[in-house]
């Protein structure tokens, strides 16, 4: 409820607002090979990292399994990219009890308030960017971008909107 209020305020007064959706890469493999207790340690370690990196005005929560949602009021797209990279690198460099043979990584989808008509639409855009990050190799952050393109000369007045993962960041 508070996150929705923040989004409404940002939309009304044209303030920056960003949404990040991220998920632990190959988490099922961690649970399957190292056990659920280690998987739980990974989630606890991520929570501690987020606690250190985020502001008191940010809202973060686990929305299922190994997936997290972060709402960042007063955060524009470029600041959101910087934040996403701090989170991604912080998790990648973390020493987590029980994890010795691999690095824990996350993929992050970012959406900055642009033309969304609801917080649900913004979350959907962040989810689409997260999917693009997973599909393009994992361990990266991708910003959801809208772009207009001419479909044909007949429909020159109508623009098609598509997902454009134009900005992509990774350590690879």
Protein backbone atom coordinates (compact mmCIF):
# COMPACT_ATOMS: atom_id res chain seq x y z
CA UNK A 1 0.00 0.00 0.00
CA UNK A 2 2.79 2.44 0.88
CA UNK A 3 4.62 1.68 -2.37
CA UNK A 4 1.49 2.40 -4.37
CA UNK A 5 1.07 5.72 -2.52
CA UNK A 6 4.67 6.64 -3.35
CA UNK A 7 4.12 5.77 -7.02
CA UNK A 8 0.94 7.87 -7.12
CA UNK A 9 2.78 10.83 -5.56
CA UNK A 10 5.64 10.50 -8.04
CA UNK A 11 3.28 10.25 -11.01
CA UNK A 12 1.17 13.20 -9.86
CA UNK A 13 4.06 15.56 -9.13
CA UNK A 14 6.37 14.27 -11.89
CA UNK A 15 9.02 13.05 -9.47
CA UNK A 16 11.43 10.25 -10.35
CA UNK A 17 10.49 6.75 -9.27
CA UNK A 18 12.06 3.43 -10.19
CA UNK A 19 11.26 -0.22 -9.79
CA UNK A 20 13.81 -3.03 -9.77
CA UNK A 21 12.91 -6.68 -9.97
CA UNK A 22 15.65 -9.20 -9.44
CA UNK A 23 16.15 -12.84 -8.92
CA UNK A 24 18.97 -15.14 -7.89
CA UNK A 25 20.50 -16.83 -10.91
CA UNK A 26 20.35 -20.63 -10.89
CA UNK A 27 18.82 -20.73 -7.42
CA UNK A 28 17.21 -24.12 -8.03
CA UNK A 29 20.69 -25.53 -8.63
CA UNK A 30 21.84 -24.14 -5.27
CA UNK A 31 18.93 -25.82 -3.47
CA UNK A 32 19.33 -29.06 -5.44
CA UNK A 33 23.09 -29.43 -5.02
CA UNK A 34 23.82 -27.72 -1.70
CA UNK A 35 20.49 -28.13 0.07
CA UNK A 36 17.66 -25.87 1.14
CA UNK A 37 19.48 -24.77 4.31
CA UNK A 38 22.24 -23.23 2.15
CA UNK A 39 19.58 -21.73 -0.12
CA UNK A 40 18.08 -20.08 2.97
CA UNK A 41 21.54 -18.74 3.92
CA UNK A 42 21.84 -17.21 0.44
CA UNK A 43 18.49 -15.42 0.87
CA UNK A 44 19.49 -14.18 4.35
CA UNK A 45 22.81 -12.89 3.01
CA UNK A 46 21.04 -11.04 0.22
CA UNK A 47 18.67 -9.47 2.76
CA UNK A 48 21.67 -8.22 4.77
CA UNK A 49 23.33 -6.81 1.66
CA UNK A 50 20.13 -4.99 0.71
CA UNK A 51 19.80 -3.61 4.22
CA UNK A 52 23.27 -2.06 3.90
CA UNK A 53 22.79 -0.70 0.37
CA UNK A 54 19.27 0.69 0.47
CA UNK A 55 17.87 3.91 1.88
CA UNK A 56 15.18 3.94 4.54
CA UNK A 57 12.80 5.38 1.92
CA UNK A 58 13.22 2.38 -0.41
CA UNK A 59 10.79 -0.53 -0.23
CA UNK A 60 12.05 -4.04 -0.84
CA UNK A 61 10.42 -7.40 -0.43
CA UNK A 62 10.69 -11.00 -1.48
CA UNK A 63 7.84 -11.68 -3.88
CA UNK A 64 8.35 -15.37 -4.37
CA UNK A 65 11.05 -17.98 -4.08
CA UNK A 66 14.25 -16.18 -4.98
CA UNK A 67 12.63 -13.10 -6.55
CA UNK A 68 12.71 -9.62 -5.02
CA UNK A 69 10.98 -6.33 -5.82
CA UNK A 70 12.46 -2.95 -4.95
CA UNK A 71 10.53 0.33 -5.20
CA UNK A 72 12.80 3.37 -5.12
CA UNK A 73 11.08 6.76 -4.77
CA UNK A 74 13.03 9.85 -5.87
CA UNK A 75 15.28 7.64 -8.00
CA UNK A 76 15.59 8.35 -11.72
CA UNK A 77 16.60 5.79 -14.32
CA UNK A 78 20.32 6.51 -14.18
CA UNK A 79 20.33 6.36 -10.39
CA UNK A 80 18.37 3.10 -10.62
CA UNK A 81 20.99 1.63 -12.96
CA UNK A 82 23.71 2.62 -10.50
CA UNK A 83 21.74 1.11 -7.62
CA UNK A 84 21.11 -2.10 -9.57
CA UNK A 85 24.78 -2.46 -10.31
CA UNK A 86 25.72 -1.86 -6.66
CA UNK A 87 23.26 -4.60 -5.67
CA UNK A 88 24.43 -6.99 -8.40
CA UNK A 89 28.13 -6.53 -7.63
CA UNK A 90 27.56 -6.56 -3.85
CA UNK A 91 25.83 -9.92 -4.08
CA UNK A 92 28.37 -11.32 -6.54
CA UNK A 93 31.27 -10.38 -4.23
CA UNK A 94 29.62 -11.52 -1.00
CA UNK A 95 31.09 -14.37 0.98
CA UNK A 96 28.15 -16.56 1.92
CA UNK A 97 28.44 -19.40 4.44
CA UNK A 98 28.28 -22.78 2.70
CA UNK A 99 29.06 -21.36 -0.75
CA UNK A 100 32.63 -22.16 -1.71
CA UNK A 101 32.51 -23.46 -5.27
CA UNK A 102 30.59 -20.64 -7.00
CA UNK A 103 29.61 -17.00 -6.93
CA UNK A 104 26.02 -16.06 -6.26
CA UNK A 105 24.72 -13.74 -8.96
CA UNK A 106 21.47 -11.94 -9.69
CA UNK A 107 19.77 -10.65 -12.81
CA UNK A 108 17.97 -7.33 -12.48
CA UNK A 109 15.22 -5.69 -14.50
CA UNK A 110 14.79 -1.94 -14.08
CA UNK A 111 11.86 0.32 -14.94
CA UNK A 112 11.86 4.07 -14.38
CA UNK A 113 8.62 6.03 -14.26
CA UNK A 114 7.92 7.16 -17.80
CA UNK A 115 4.47 6.67 -19.26
CA UNK A 116 3.17 3.93 -17.01
CA UNK A 117 -0.42 4.37 -15.91
CA UNK A 118 -0.12 2.23 -12.78
CA UNK A 119 2.45 0.77 -10.46
CA UNK A 120 1.37 -2.65 -11.71
CA UNK A 121 2.37 -1.66 -15.25
CA UNK A 122 5.72 -0.43 -13.98
CA UNK A 123 6.30 -3.72 -12.17
CA UNK A 124 5.37 -5.56 -15.37
CA UNK A 125 7.97 -3.52 -17.28
CA UNK A 126 10.63 -4.34 -14.67
CA UNK A 127 9.64 -8.01 -14.95
CA UNK A 128 10.01 -7.88 -18.75
CA UNK A 129 13.46 -6.32 -18.36
CA UNK A 130 14.35 -9.04 -15.82
CA UNK A 131 13.31 -11.68 -18.33
CA UNK A 132 15.51 -9.98 -20.96
CA UNK A 133 18.44 -10.01 -18.49
CA UNK A 134 17.96 -13.75 -17.90
CA UNK A 135 17.62 -14.46 -21.62
CA UNK A 136 20.76 -12.51 -22.48
CA UNK A 137 23.07 -14.42 -20.17
CA UNK A 138 22.21 -13.64 -16.52
CA UNK A 139 24.29 -11.67 -14.00
CA UNK A 140 23.31 -8.35 -15.54
CA UNK A 141 21.00 -5.38 -15.20
CA UNK A 142 18.72 -4.27 -18.02
CA UNK A 143 16.66 -1.10 -18.22
CA UNK A 144 13.23 -1.32 -19.79
CA UNK A 145 13.08 1.21 -22.61
CA UNK A 146 10.14 2.23 -24.68
CA UNK A 147 10.78 3.26 -28.23
CA UNK A 148 8.46 4.27 -30.98
CA UNK A 149 8.84 3.04 -34.50
CA UNK A 150 6.83 3.52 -37.63
CA UNK A 151 4.89 0.34 -38.43
CA UNK A 152 4.19 1.37 -42.02
CA UNK A 153 3.54 4.49 -44.08
CA UNK A 154 -0.22 3.86 -43.75
CA UNK A 155 -0.08 3.97 -39.98
CA UNK A 156 2.48 6.75 -39.68
CA UNK A 157 0.39 8.39 -36.94
CA UNK A 158 0.32 5.25 -34.82
CA UNK A 159 3.46 4.14 -32.99
CA UNK A 160 4.25 0.67 -31.78
CA UNK A 161 5.84 0.30 -28.36
CA UNK A 162 8.30 -2.50 -27.79
CA UNK A 163 10.77 -3.67 -25.21
CA UNK A 164 14.20 -2.32 -26.08
CA UNK A 165 16.90 -3.57 -23.74
CA UNK A 166 19.13 -0.79 -25.05
CA UNK A 167 21.01 -0.35 -21.82
CA UNK A 168 22.56 -3.54 -20.58
CA UNK A 169 25.16 -3.99 -17.88
CA UNK A 170 27.06 -7.04 -16.83
CA UNK A 171 30.40 -8.13 -15.53
CA UNK A 172 31.03 -10.42 -18.45
